Amino acid sequence: MLPVVPPVSVSRPLLFGLVAVGAVVAVASPQPTSSFAAGFAAGAGSAFIVSFMKTSRHERLGDSDDRSGDGS
């Protein structure tokens, strides 16, 4: 069964892209669309921050217990 939430390696860049697109649209568009895009960017940014808070520093850096480098 496929996971519902994409892995962190996919979701973080996707969230970052959504924040960037929302911010650009908020600046470049007229009022009704601008307000929606600003809220969208804020929501995606919140999810982006929460994703960093939910993972430990070791997980973000890719550290593991195996330090030999040969993968075994």
C-alpha atoms as a PDB file:
ATOM      1  CA  MET A   1       0.000   0.000   0.000  1.00  0.00           C
ATOM      2  CA  LEU A   2       1.334   3.453  -0.926  1.00  0.00           C
ATOM      3  CA  PRO A   3       1.921   5.912   1.904  1.00  0.00           C
ATOM      4  CA  VAL A   4      -0.512   8.834   2.055  1.00  0.00           C
ATOM      5  CA  VAL A   5       2.150  11.384   3.046  1.00  0.00           C
ATOM      6  CA  PRO A   6       5.219  11.612   0.791  1.00  0.00           C
ATOM      7  CA  PRO A   7       8.646  11.036   2.352  1.00  0.00           C
ATOM      8  CA  VAL A   8      10.471  13.985   3.878  1.00  0.00           C
ATOM      9  CA  SER A   9      12.922  14.127   0.976  1.00  0.00           C
ATOM     10  CA  VAL A  10       9.992  14.946  -1.332  1.00  0.00           C
ATOM     11  CA  SER A  11       7.676  16.887   0.955  1.00  0.00           C
ATOM     12  CA  ARG A  12      10.123  19.529   2.218  1.00  0.00           C
ATOM     13  CA  PRO A  13      11.187  20.780  -1.226  1.00  0.00           C
ATOM     14  CA  LEU A  14       7.540  20.657  -2.305  1.00  0.00           C
ATOM     15  CA  LEU A  15       6.473  22.743   0.708  1.00  0.00           C
ATOM     16  CA  PHE A  16       9.321  25.178   0.111  1.00  0.00           C
ATOM     17  CA  GLY A  17       8.199  25.558  -3.514  1.00  0.00           C
ATOM     18  CA  LEU A  18       4.610  26.170  -2.422  1.00  0.00           C
ATOM     19  CA  VAL A  19       5.756  28.879  -0.016  1.00  0.00           C
ATOM     20  CA  ALA A  20       7.799  30.549  -2.756  1.00  0.00           C
ATOM     21  CA  VAL A  21       4.991  30.419  -5.321  1.00  0.00           C
ATOM     22  CA  GLY A  22       2.447  31.705  -2.801  1.00  0.00           C
ATOM     23  CA  ALA A  23       4.711  34.606  -1.821  1.00  0.00           C
ATOM     24  CA  VAL A  24       5.336  35.620  -5.442  1.00  0.00           C
ATOM     25  CA  VAL A  25       1.631  35.442  -6.310  1.00  0.00           C
ATOM     26  CA  ALA A  26       0.762  37.436  -3.166  1.00  0.00           C
ATOM     27  CA  VAL A  27       3.091  40.246  -4.246  1.00  0.00           C
ATOM     28  CA  ALA A  28       2.262  40.218  -7.968  1.00  0.00           C
ATOM     29  CA  SER A  29      -1.527  39.848  -8.021  1.00  0.00           C
ATOM     30  CA  PRO A  30      -4.519  42.090  -7.176  1.00  0.00           C
ATOM     31  CA  GLN A  31      -6.245  42.038  -3.779  1.00  0.00           C
ATOM     32  CA  PRO A  32      -8.564  38.968  -3.693  1.00  0.00           C
ATOM     33  CA  THR A  33      -5.962  36.598  -5.155  1.00  0.00           C
ATOM     34  CA  SER A  34      -3.183  38.266  -3.184  1.00  0.00           C
ATOM     35  CA  SER A  35      -4.918  37.590   0.145  1.00  0.00           C
ATOM     36  CA  PHE A  36      -5.514  33.940  -0.726  1.00  0.00           C
ATOM     37  CA  ALA A  37      -1.923  33.422  -1.901  1.00  0.00           C
ATOM     38  CA  ALA A  38      -0.535  35.043   1.248  1.00  0.00           C
ATOM     39  CA  GLY A  39      -2.622  32.725   3.424  1.00  0.00           C
ATOM     40  CA  PHE A  40      -1.589  29.752   1.309  1.00  0.00           C
ATOM     41  CA  ALA A  41       2.107  30.652   1.674  1.00  0.00           C
ATOM     42  CA  ALA A  42       1.695  31.098   5.446  1.00  0.00           C
ATOM     43  CA  GLY A  43       0.000  27.686   5.753  1.00  0.00           C
ATOM     44  CA  ALA A  44       2.631  25.919   3.665  1.00  0.00           C
ATOM     45  CA  GLY A  45       5.356  27.710   5.628  1.00  0.00           C
ATOM     46  CA  SER A  46       3.837  26.517   8.891  1.00  0.00           C
ATOM     47  CA  ALA A  47       3.805  22.936   7.637  1.00  0.00           C
ATOM     48  CA  PHE A  48       7.421  23.358   6.484  1.00  0.00           C
ATOM     49  CA  ILE A  49       8.501  24.509   9.960  1.00  0.00           C
ATOM     50  CA  VAL A  50       6.548  21.739  11.691  1.00  0.00           C
ATOM     51  CA  SER A  51       8.248  19.149   9.444  1.00  0.00           C
ATOM     52  CA  PHE A  52      11.638  20.381  10.671  1.00  0.00           C
ATOM     53  CA  MET A  53      10.520  20.333  14.303  1.00  0.00           C
ATOM     54  CA  LYS A  54       9.194  16.751  14.066  1.00  0.00           C
ATOM     55  CA  THR A  55      12.495  15.226  12.892  1.00  0.00           C
ATOM     56  CA  SER A  56      15.609  15.013  14.999  1.00  0.00           C
ATOM     57  CA  ARG A  57      18.841  16.673  13.945  1.00  0.00           C
ATOM     58  CA  HIS A  58      20.432  13.274  13.285  1.00  0.00           C
ATOM     59  CA  GLU A  59      17.633  12.332  10.877  1.00  0.00           C
ATOM     60  CA  ARG A  60      17.999  15.638   8.995  1.00  0.00           C
ATOM     61  CA  LEU A  61      21.759  15.159   8.637  1.00  0.00           C
ATOM     62  CA  GLY A  62      21.417  11.527   7.591  1.00  0.00           C
ATOM     63  CA  ASP A  63      23.462  10.218  10.509  1.00  0.00           C
ATOM     64  CA  SER A  64      23.203   6.552  11.385  1.00  0.00           C
ATOM     65  CA  ASP A  65      24.832   4.131  13.786  1.00  0.00           C
ATOM     66  CA  ASP A  66      26.878   2.618  10.939  1.00  0.00           C
ATOM     67  CA  ARG A  67      30.001   4.797  10.646  1.00  0.00           C
ATOM     68  CA  SER A  68      32.184   2.351   8.700  1.00  0.00           C
ATOM     69  CA  GLY A  69      31.138   3.741   5.310  1.00  0.00           C
ATOM     70  CA  ASP A  70      30.759   0.381   3.598  1.00  0.00           C
ATOM     71  CA  GLY A  71      27.016   0.140   4.236  1.00  0.00           C
ATOM     72  CA  SER A  72      27.151  -3.197   6.033  1.00  0.00           C
END
